Structure formats: structure tokens, C-alpha cells
Amino acid sequence: MKKYSAFIIFFLIFTKLQAQPASTIKPPDYMLGSFEDDYQIRYKITDTLWLQLSNTRFHIIKWNLEKKYIIAKNDAKNPGEGGLYTRIDYMTFDNMAPWKWGYCLTAYNAPTDAAAEATAAADRANPMKGCGGYPFSRMKRVK
């Protein structure tokens, strides 16, 4: 019986650690702030909100720092896919200044956060076509 009790306690602790809200995770500093992508679209990103200006909001519910993706709930007032879930895969770039990192909306209309998270990752080995046949959107910091 002790074995099972220890397992249950371990499982509960592990589950609690895995289920931490986005606000308890420290996202990469290079992703926080104001940005412009290579299509001249502006963004403001915090630990809990991805704002694609002017009116598209993704409420971040999970940062997976190890696998480099974000799970977010689409704002109900978004122009499209309101209330659904998004997976945003990201990566850094070397020797591509001023572009320091890029992202891919791997899923943007998943019915649940679990479905968004289960979506296959973007192909970071091929950033020019690894986002569903398209390039990752490259991001540069702006003031």
C-alpha cells in the first residue's frame, strides 16, 4: 500500500508542476516587448498576452520552454477563430539581424487547448518552409 501512496503523491505533485499557469513561467526575455515582423505587422507580447496589432489577441495559457511553443486561447473578439485555441511555435535565428527570432501559428483554430498542443510542431530545421509550407514570421524589436 505504501508503494501506491508514494506513487499517487508523486503523480499529484508532478501534475501540479505541469499545470502551472503561464504567469508563473518566466518566458524568454527576447520574446517580451514590442516587435514588428517581416510583413510590417506590429506585436506586443507579455508573459500572458500575445497582441497582434491592432485587434487580434491570444491569451497565453502555457509556455513550453523546452519544446519552444506557446498555447493560447484566442480572444472572443478576434476577427476570426474567436474563443478557439492556438499553438505558436518559435525559434531563434543566428546571423539574421535585425531578425532575432521567428514564430509559426502551427494551429490557430483548435477546439481545445489539448488539441492545439497535440498539433505537430513546425519544422524548425527548415524555417523557410517549415510553417505549413510557409516561412516562419521573422521578428525584430521595435520601440
N, C-alpha and C. Protein backbone atom coordinates (compact mmCIF):
# COMPACT_ATOMS: atom_id res chain seq x y z
N MET A 1 0.82 -1.20 0.00
CA MET A 1 0.00 0.00 0.00
C MET A 1 0.87 1.26 0.00
N LYS A 2 2.04 1.20 0.66
CA LYS A 2 2.93 2.35 0.70
C LYS A 2 3.39 2.73 -0.70
N LYS A 3 3.66 1.71 -1.55
CA LYS A 3 4.09 1.97 -2.92
C LYS A 3 3.05 2.81 -3.65
N TYR A 4 1.80 2.42 -3.54
CA TYR A 4 0.74 3.13 -4.24
C TYR A 4 0.56 4.54 -3.70
N SER A 5 0.68 4.70 -2.40
CA SER A 5 0.55 6.04 -1.80
C SER A 5 1.66 6.95 -2.30
N ALA A 6 2.88 6.44 -2.33
CA ALA A 6 4.00 7.24 -2.81
C ALA A 6 3.81 7.61 -4.28
N PHE A 7 3.32 6.67 -5.08
CA PHE A 7 3.08 6.94 -6.49
C PHE A 7 2.01 8.02 -6.66
N ILE A 8 0.94 7.92 -5.91
CA ILE A 8 -0.15 8.90 -6.00
C ILE A 8 0.36 10.29 -5.61
N ILE A 9 1.14 10.38 -4.54
CA ILE A 9 1.69 11.66 -4.11
C ILE A 9 2.61 12.22 -5.19
N PHE A 10 3.49 11.39 -5.75
CA PHE A 10 4.39 11.84 -6.82
C PHE A 10 3.58 12.32 -8.02
N PHE A 11 2.56 11.55 -8.40
CA PHE A 11 1.73 11.92 -9.55
C PHE A 11 1.04 13.27 -9.33
N LEU A 12 0.50 13.49 -8.14
CA LEU A 12 -0.18 14.74 -7.85
C LEU A 12 0.79 15.93 -7.88
N ILE A 13 1.97 15.75 -7.33
CA ILE A 13 2.98 16.81 -7.35
C ILE A 13 3.41 17.10 -8.79
N PHE A 14 3.67 16.05 -9.56
CA PHE A 14 4.08 16.20 -10.95
C PHE A 14 3.00 16.92 -11.76
N THR A 15 1.74 16.52 -11.57
CA THR A 15 0.62 17.14 -12.27
C THR A 15 0.52 18.61 -11.89
N LYS A 16 0.69 18.93 -10.64
CA LYS A 16 0.62 20.32 -10.18
C LYS A 16 1.71 21.16 -10.84
N LEU A 17 2.93 20.61 -10.93
CA LEU A 17 4.03 21.33 -11.55
C LEU A 17 3.79 21.55 -13.04
N GLN A 18 3.22 20.55 -13.71
CA GLN A 18 2.97 20.66 -15.14
C GLN A 18 1.84 21.63 -15.45
N ALA A 19 0.93 21.84 -14.52
CA ALA A 19 -0.26 22.64 -14.76
C ALA A 19 -0.12 24.09 -14.30
N GLN A 20 1.09 24.56 -14.11
CA GLN A 20 1.28 25.93 -13.66
C GLN A 20 0.78 26.90 -14.71
N PRO A 21 0.08 27.96 -14.29
CA PRO A 21 -0.39 28.94 -15.26
C PRO A 21 0.78 29.69 -15.91
N ALA A 22 0.49 30.27 -17.08
CA ALA A 22 1.52 30.98 -17.84
C ALA A 22 2.20 32.05 -17.01
N SER A 23 1.46 32.69 -16.12
CA SER A 23 2.02 33.80 -15.35
C SER A 23 3.10 33.36 -14.36
N THR A 24 3.21 32.05 -14.09
CA THR A 24 4.25 31.58 -13.16
C THR A 24 5.53 31.17 -13.89
N ILE A 25 5.50 31.15 -15.20
CA ILE A 25 6.65 30.77 -16.01
C ILE A 25 7.35 32.05 -16.48
N LYS A 26 8.66 32.04 -16.45
CA LYS A 26 9.44 33.18 -16.96
C LYS A 26 9.76 32.91 -18.42
N PRO A 27 9.05 33.59 -19.34
CA PRO A 27 9.33 33.39 -20.77
C PRO A 27 10.69 33.96 -21.15
N PRO A 28 11.20 33.59 -22.32
CA PRO A 28 12.48 34.15 -22.77
C PRO A 28 12.39 35.66 -22.92
N ASP A 29 13.37 36.38 -22.40
CA ASP A 29 13.38 37.84 -22.47
C ASP A 29 13.31 38.35 -23.91
N TYR A 30 13.93 37.62 -24.83
CA TYR A 30 13.96 38.09 -26.21
C TYR A 30 12.57 38.12 -26.86
N MET A 31 11.59 37.45 -26.24
CA MET A 31 10.24 37.42 -26.80
C MET A 31 9.29 38.42 -26.16
N LEU A 32 9.71 39.12 -25.15
CA LEU A 32 8.83 40.05 -24.45
C LEU A 32 9.08 41.48 -24.92
N GLY A 33 8.01 42.21 -25.23
CA GLY A 33 8.14 43.59 -25.64
C GLY A 33 7.37 43.88 -26.91
N SER A 34 7.84 44.87 -27.65
CA SER A 34 7.20 45.32 -28.89
C SER A 34 8.04 44.87 -30.08
N PHE A 35 7.36 44.37 -31.11
CA PHE A 35 8.05 43.78 -32.26
C PHE A 35 7.33 44.14 -33.55
N GLU A 36 8.07 43.95 -34.65
CA GLU A 36 7.49 44.04 -35.98
C GLU A 36 8.01 42.84 -36.75
N ASP A 37 7.12 42.21 -37.52
CA ASP A 37 7.56 41.07 -38.31
C ASP A 37 7.97 41.51 -39.71
N ASP A 38 8.40 40.57 -40.51
CA ASP A 38 8.89 40.91 -41.84
C ASP A 38 7.76 41.21 -42.84
N TYR A 39 6.52 41.28 -42.34
CA TYR A 39 5.37 41.73 -43.13
C TYR A 39 4.86 43.08 -42.62
N GLN A 40 5.66 43.73 -41.77
CA GLN A 40 5.36 45.03 -41.14
C GLN A 40 4.14 44.99 -40.22
N ILE A 41 3.84 43.84 -39.66
CA ILE A 41 2.78 43.72 -38.66
C ILE A 41 3.41 43.93 -37.29
N ARG A 42 2.77 44.71 -36.44
CA ARG A 42 3.28 45.03 -35.10
C ARG A 42 2.67 44.12 -34.05
N TYR A 43 3.46 43.88 -32.98
CA TYR A 43 3.06 43.00 -31.88
C TYR A 43 3.48 43.58 -30.56
N LYS A 44 2.75 43.23 -29.52
CA LYS A 44 3.16 43.46 -28.14
C LYS A 44 2.96 42.13 -27.42
N ILE A 45 4.04 41.66 -26.80
CA ILE A 45 4.00 40.33 -26.19
C ILE A 45 4.42 40.44 -24.72
N THR A 46 3.59 39.87 -23.84
CA THR A 46 3.90 39.77 -22.42
C THR A 46 3.89 38.29 -22.05
N ASP A 47 4.08 37.99 -20.77
CA ASP A 47 4.05 36.59 -20.35
C ASP A 47 2.67 35.97 -20.47
N THR A 48 1.60 36.78 -20.55
CA THR A 48 0.24 36.24 -20.62
C THR A 48 -0.57 36.71 -21.83
N LEU A 49 -0.01 37.59 -22.66
CA LEU A 49 -0.78 38.11 -23.80
C LEU A 49 0.11 38.28 -25.02
N TRP A 50 -0.37 37.79 -26.14
CA TRP A 50 0.25 37.99 -27.46
C TRP A 50 -0.73 38.87 -28.22
N LEU A 51 -0.37 40.12 -28.45
CA LEU A 51 -1.23 41.07 -29.13
C LEU A 51 -0.67 41.35 -30.51
N GLN A 52 -1.44 40.97 -31.52
CA GLN A 52 -1.07 41.28 -32.90
C GLN A 52 -1.90 42.51 -33.26
N LEU A 53 -1.21 43.65 -33.37
CA LEU A 53 -1.93 44.92 -33.52
C LEU A 53 -2.68 44.96 -34.84
N SER A 54 -3.84 45.44 -34.84
CA SER A 54 -4.39 46.20 -33.74
C SER A 54 -5.44 45.45 -32.93
N ASN A 55 -6.01 44.40 -33.46
CA ASN A 55 -7.14 43.82 -32.73
C ASN A 55 -7.17 42.30 -32.64
N THR A 56 -6.04 41.64 -32.69
CA THR A 56 -6.01 40.19 -32.53
C THR A 56 -5.24 39.86 -31.26
N ARG A 57 -5.93 39.18 -30.34
CA ARG A 57 -5.34 38.86 -29.04
C ARG A 57 -5.35 37.35 -28.80
N PHE A 58 -4.21 36.87 -28.29
CA PHE A 58 -4.09 35.49 -27.87
C PHE A 58 -3.73 35.51 -26.38
N HIS A 59 -4.57 34.92 -25.56
CA HIS A 59 -4.34 34.88 -24.11
C HIS A 59 -3.49 33.64 -23.81
N ILE A 60 -2.24 33.85 -23.46
CA ILE A 60 -1.30 32.75 -23.28
C ILE A 60 -1.65 31.98 -22.01
N ILE A 61 -1.83 30.68 -22.17
CA ILE A 61 -2.14 29.83 -21.02
C ILE A 61 -0.99 28.86 -20.70
N LYS A 62 -0.06 28.70 -21.64
CA LYS A 62 1.07 27.80 -21.37
C LYS A 62 2.27 28.17 -22.23
N TRP A 63 3.43 28.25 -21.57
CA TRP A 63 4.72 28.36 -22.26
C TRP A 63 5.41 27.02 -22.10
N ASN A 64 5.81 26.37 -23.18
CA ASN A 64 6.65 25.19 -23.10
C ASN A 64 8.04 25.63 -23.56
N LEU A 65 8.88 25.95 -22.57
CA LEU A 65 10.20 26.49 -22.88
C LEU A 65 11.12 25.45 -23.49
N GLU A 66 10.97 24.22 -23.07
CA GLU A 66 11.84 23.16 -23.58
C GLU A 66 11.58 22.89 -25.07
N LYS A 67 10.30 22.79 -25.44
CA LYS A 67 9.94 22.48 -26.84
C LYS A 67 9.63 23.72 -27.66
N LYS A 68 9.75 24.89 -27.05
CA LYS A 68 9.62 26.19 -27.71
C LYS A 68 8.27 26.38 -28.41
N TYR A 69 7.21 26.30 -27.61
CA TYR A 69 5.90 26.66 -28.13
C TYR A 69 5.04 27.27 -27.03
N ILE A 70 4.00 27.95 -27.47
CA ILE A 70 3.04 28.61 -26.60
C ILE A 70 1.66 28.06 -26.94
N ILE A 71 0.84 27.87 -25.92
CA ILE A 71 -0.57 27.55 -26.13
C ILE A 71 -1.37 28.75 -25.64
N ALA A 72 -2.32 29.19 -26.46
CA ALA A 72 -3.10 30.38 -26.11
C ALA A 72 -4.56 30.18 -26.49
N LYS A 73 -5.41 30.92 -25.78
CA LYS A 73 -6.83 30.97 -26.13
C LYS A 73 -7.06 32.25 -26.93
N ASN A 74 -7.69 32.11 -28.09
CA ASN A 74 -7.99 33.25 -28.94
C ASN A 74 -9.07 34.09 -28.26
N ASP A 75 -8.87 35.39 -28.25
CA ASP A 75 -9.85 36.29 -27.66
C ASP A 75 -11.18 36.16 -28.40
N ALA A 76 -12.27 36.22 -27.65
CA ALA A 76 -13.61 36.10 -28.24
C ALA A 76 -13.89 37.20 -29.26
N LYS A 77 -13.23 38.35 -29.14
CA LYS A 77 -13.47 39.48 -30.04
C LYS A 77 -12.53 39.50 -31.24
N ASN A 78 -11.68 38.48 -31.39
CA ASN A 78 -10.78 38.44 -32.55
C ASN A 78 -11.60 38.44 -33.84
N PRO A 79 -11.03 38.97 -34.92
CA PRO A 79 -11.75 38.99 -36.20
C PRO A 79 -12.07 37.60 -36.74
N GLY A 80 -11.30 36.59 -36.32
CA GLY A 80 -11.54 35.21 -36.75
C GLY A 80 -11.11 34.24 -35.67
N GLU A 81 -11.74 33.09 -35.65
CA GLU A 81 -11.39 32.00 -34.73
C GLU A 81 -11.52 32.38 -33.25
N GLY A 82 -12.40 33.31 -32.93
CA GLY A 82 -12.61 33.74 -31.54
C GLY A 82 -13.01 32.59 -30.64
N GLY A 83 -12.39 32.53 -29.46
CA GLY A 83 -12.71 31.51 -28.47
C GLY A 83 -12.06 30.16 -28.72
N LEU A 84 -11.36 30.00 -29.84
CA LEU A 84 -10.67 28.74 -30.11
C LEU A 84 -9.26 28.81 -29.55
N TYR A 85 -8.41 27.84 -29.88
CA TYR A 85 -7.07 27.76 -29.30
C TYR A 85 -5.99 27.75 -30.37
N THR A 86 -4.83 28.27 -29.98
CA THR A 86 -3.70 28.44 -30.89
C THR A 86 -2.44 27.84 -30.30
N ARG A 87 -1.63 27.26 -31.17
CA ARG A 87 -0.27 26.84 -30.82
C ARG A 87 0.68 27.69 -31.63
N ILE A 88 1.61 28.34 -30.94
CA ILE A 88 2.62 29.18 -31.59
C ILE A 88 3.98 28.55 -31.33
N ASP A 89 4.60 28.02 -32.39
CA ASP A 89 5.97 27.51 -32.28
C ASP A 89 6.92 28.66 -32.57
N TYR A 90 8.05 28.69 -31.87
CA TYR A 90 9.01 29.76 -32.08
C TYR A 90 10.43 29.22 -32.13
N MET A 91 11.33 30.05 -32.67
CA MET A 91 12.74 29.67 -32.77
C MET A 91 13.58 30.93 -32.86
N THR A 92 14.86 30.81 -32.53
CA THR A 92 15.78 31.94 -32.66
C THR A 92 16.55 31.79 -33.97
N PHE A 93 17.11 32.92 -34.42
CA PHE A 93 17.90 32.95 -35.64
C PHE A 93 19.31 33.44 -35.34
N ASP A 94 20.28 32.88 -36.04
CA ASP A 94 21.66 33.34 -35.97
C ASP A 94 22.00 34.06 -37.27
N ASN A 95 22.80 35.12 -37.15
CA ASN A 95 23.29 35.85 -38.33
C ASN A 95 22.19 36.32 -39.26
N MET A 96 21.09 36.81 -38.69
CA MET A 96 19.98 37.27 -39.49
C MET A 96 19.48 38.64 -39.01
N ALA A 97 20.37 39.42 -38.40
CA ALA A 97 19.99 40.73 -37.85
C ALA A 97 19.29 41.55 -38.91
N PRO A 98 18.26 42.30 -38.55
CA PRO A 98 17.76 42.54 -37.19
C PRO A 98 16.77 41.48 -36.70
N TRP A 99 16.57 40.44 -37.47
CA TRP A 99 15.61 39.39 -37.10
C TRP A 99 16.25 38.44 -36.09
N LYS A 100 15.77 38.48 -34.86
CA LYS A 100 16.36 37.68 -33.77
C LYS A 100 15.64 36.36 -33.56
N TRP A 101 14.33 36.34 -33.86
CA TRP A 101 13.55 35.12 -33.66
C TRP A 101 12.35 35.14 -34.59
N GLY A 102 11.69 34.00 -34.68
CA GLY A 102 10.52 33.91 -35.54
C GLY A 102 9.49 32.97 -34.95
N TYR A 103 8.29 33.02 -35.52
CA TYR A 103 7.21 32.19 -35.00
C TYR A 103 6.38 31.62 -36.14
N CYS A 104 5.63 30.59 -35.79
CA CYS A 104 4.70 29.94 -36.70
C CYS A 104 3.40 29.69 -35.95
N LEU A 105 2.28 30.10 -36.51
CA LEU A 105 0.98 29.73 -35.94
C LEU A 105 0.69 28.31 -36.42
N THR A 106 1.18 27.36 -35.67
CA THR A 106 1.08 25.96 -36.04
C THR A 106 -0.37 25.50 -36.04
N ALA A 107 -1.13 25.96 -35.07
CA ALA A 107 -2.58 25.74 -35.02
C ALA A 107 -3.19 27.07 -34.59
N TYR A 108 -4.30 27.44 -35.17
CA TYR A 108 -4.94 28.70 -34.79
C TYR A 108 -6.45 28.56 -34.59
N ASN A 109 -6.97 27.36 -34.85
CA ASN A 109 -8.41 27.17 -34.70
C ASN A 109 -8.75 25.82 -34.06
N ALA A 110 -7.92 25.42 -33.11
CA ALA A 110 -8.16 24.15 -32.41
C ALA A 110 -9.34 24.29 -31.44
N PRO A 111 -10.15 23.26 -31.30
CA PRO A 111 -11.32 23.36 -30.41
C PRO A 111 -10.98 23.40 -28.92
N THR A 112 -9.80 22.86 -28.55
CA THR A 112 -9.38 22.84 -27.15
C THR A 112 -7.89 23.13 -27.04
N ASP A 113 -7.45 23.47 -25.83
CA ASP A 113 -6.02 23.68 -25.64
C ASP A 113 -5.25 22.38 -25.86
N ALA A 114 -5.83 21.25 -25.47
CA ALA A 114 -5.17 19.96 -25.67
C ALA A 114 -5.01 19.64 -27.15
N ALA A 115 -6.02 19.96 -27.95
CA ALA A 115 -5.92 19.73 -29.40
C ALA A 115 -4.85 20.63 -30.01
N ALA A 116 -4.77 21.87 -29.57
CA ALA A 116 -3.72 22.77 -30.08
C ALA A 116 -2.35 22.22 -29.72
N GLU A 117 -2.21 21.75 -28.48
CA GLU A 117 -0.92 21.25 -28.03
C GLU A 117 -0.53 19.96 -28.75
N ALA A 118 -1.50 19.17 -29.16
CA ALA A 118 -1.23 17.90 -29.85
C ALA A 118 -0.88 18.10 -31.33
N THR A 119 -1.04 19.30 -31.83
CA THR A 119 -0.68 19.59 -33.22
C THR A 119 0.82 19.39 -33.42
N ALA A 120 1.17 18.77 -34.53
CA ALA A 120 2.59 18.52 -34.82
C ALA A 120 3.36 19.84 -34.86
N ALA A 121 4.55 19.82 -34.31
CA ALA A 121 5.40 21.02 -34.27
C ALA A 121 5.79 21.46 -35.67
N ALA A 122 6.04 22.75 -35.80
CA ALA A 122 6.59 23.29 -37.05
C ALA A 122 7.99 22.74 -37.25
N ASP A 123 8.45 22.74 -38.49
CA ASP A 123 9.77 22.20 -38.82
C ASP A 123 10.83 23.30 -38.68
N ARG A 124 11.44 23.37 -37.51
CA ARG A 124 12.45 24.41 -37.26
C ARG A 124 13.73 24.19 -38.07
N ALA A 125 13.95 22.98 -38.55
CA ALA A 125 15.14 22.71 -39.36
C ALA A 125 15.01 23.36 -40.74
N ASN A 126 13.80 23.75 -41.10
CA ASN A 126 13.55 24.37 -42.40
C ASN A 126 12.70 25.63 -42.21
N PRO A 127 13.28 26.69 -41.63
CA PRO A 127 12.48 27.88 -41.30
C PRO A 127 11.88 28.60 -42.51
N MET A 128 12.37 28.31 -43.72
CA MET A 128 11.81 28.95 -44.92
C MET A 128 10.52 28.30 -45.40
N LYS A 129 10.28 27.04 -45.00
CA LYS A 129 9.06 26.33 -45.43
C LYS A 129 8.46 25.48 -44.32
N GLY A 130 9.02 25.58 -43.13
CA GLY A 130 8.63 24.70 -42.04
C GLY A 130 7.35 25.05 -41.32
N CYS A 131 6.69 26.11 -41.76
CA CYS A 131 5.43 26.54 -41.15
C CYS A 131 4.29 26.21 -42.12
N GLY A 132 4.01 24.94 -42.26
CA GLY A 132 2.94 24.51 -43.16
C GLY A 132 3.22 24.87 -44.61
N GLY A 133 4.49 24.83 -45.01
CA GLY A 133 4.88 25.16 -46.37
C GLY A 133 5.28 26.62 -46.54
N TYR A 134 5.13 27.41 -45.48
CA TYR A 134 5.47 28.84 -45.50
C TYR A 134 6.62 29.11 -44.54
N PRO A 135 7.25 30.28 -44.65
CA PRO A 135 8.33 30.60 -43.72
C PRO A 135 7.80 31.01 -42.35
N PHE A 136 8.65 30.83 -41.35
CA PHE A 136 8.37 31.41 -40.03
C PHE A 136 8.33 32.93 -40.21
N SER A 137 7.45 33.60 -39.49
CA SER A 137 7.44 35.07 -39.50
C SER A 137 8.61 35.53 -38.64
N ARG A 138 9.50 36.33 -39.23
CA ARG A 138 10.67 36.81 -38.50
C ARG A 138 10.33 38.06 -37.71
N MET A 139 10.88 38.16 -36.50
CA MET A 139 10.53 39.25 -35.59
C MET A 139 11.76 40.09 -35.26
N LYS A 140 11.56 41.41 -35.24
CA LYS A 140 12.60 42.32 -34.77
C LYS A 140 11.99 43.25 -33.74
N ARG A 141 12.81 43.62 -32.76
CA ARG A 141 12.35 44.50 -31.68
C ARG A 141 12.16 45.92 -32.21
N VAL A 142 11.09 46.57 -31.76
CA VAL A 142 10.83 47.98 -32.06
C VAL A 142 10.51 48.71 -30.77
N LYS A 143 10.59 50.03 -30.79
CA LYS A 143 10.29 50.82 -29.59
C LYS A 143 8.85 51.17 -29.51
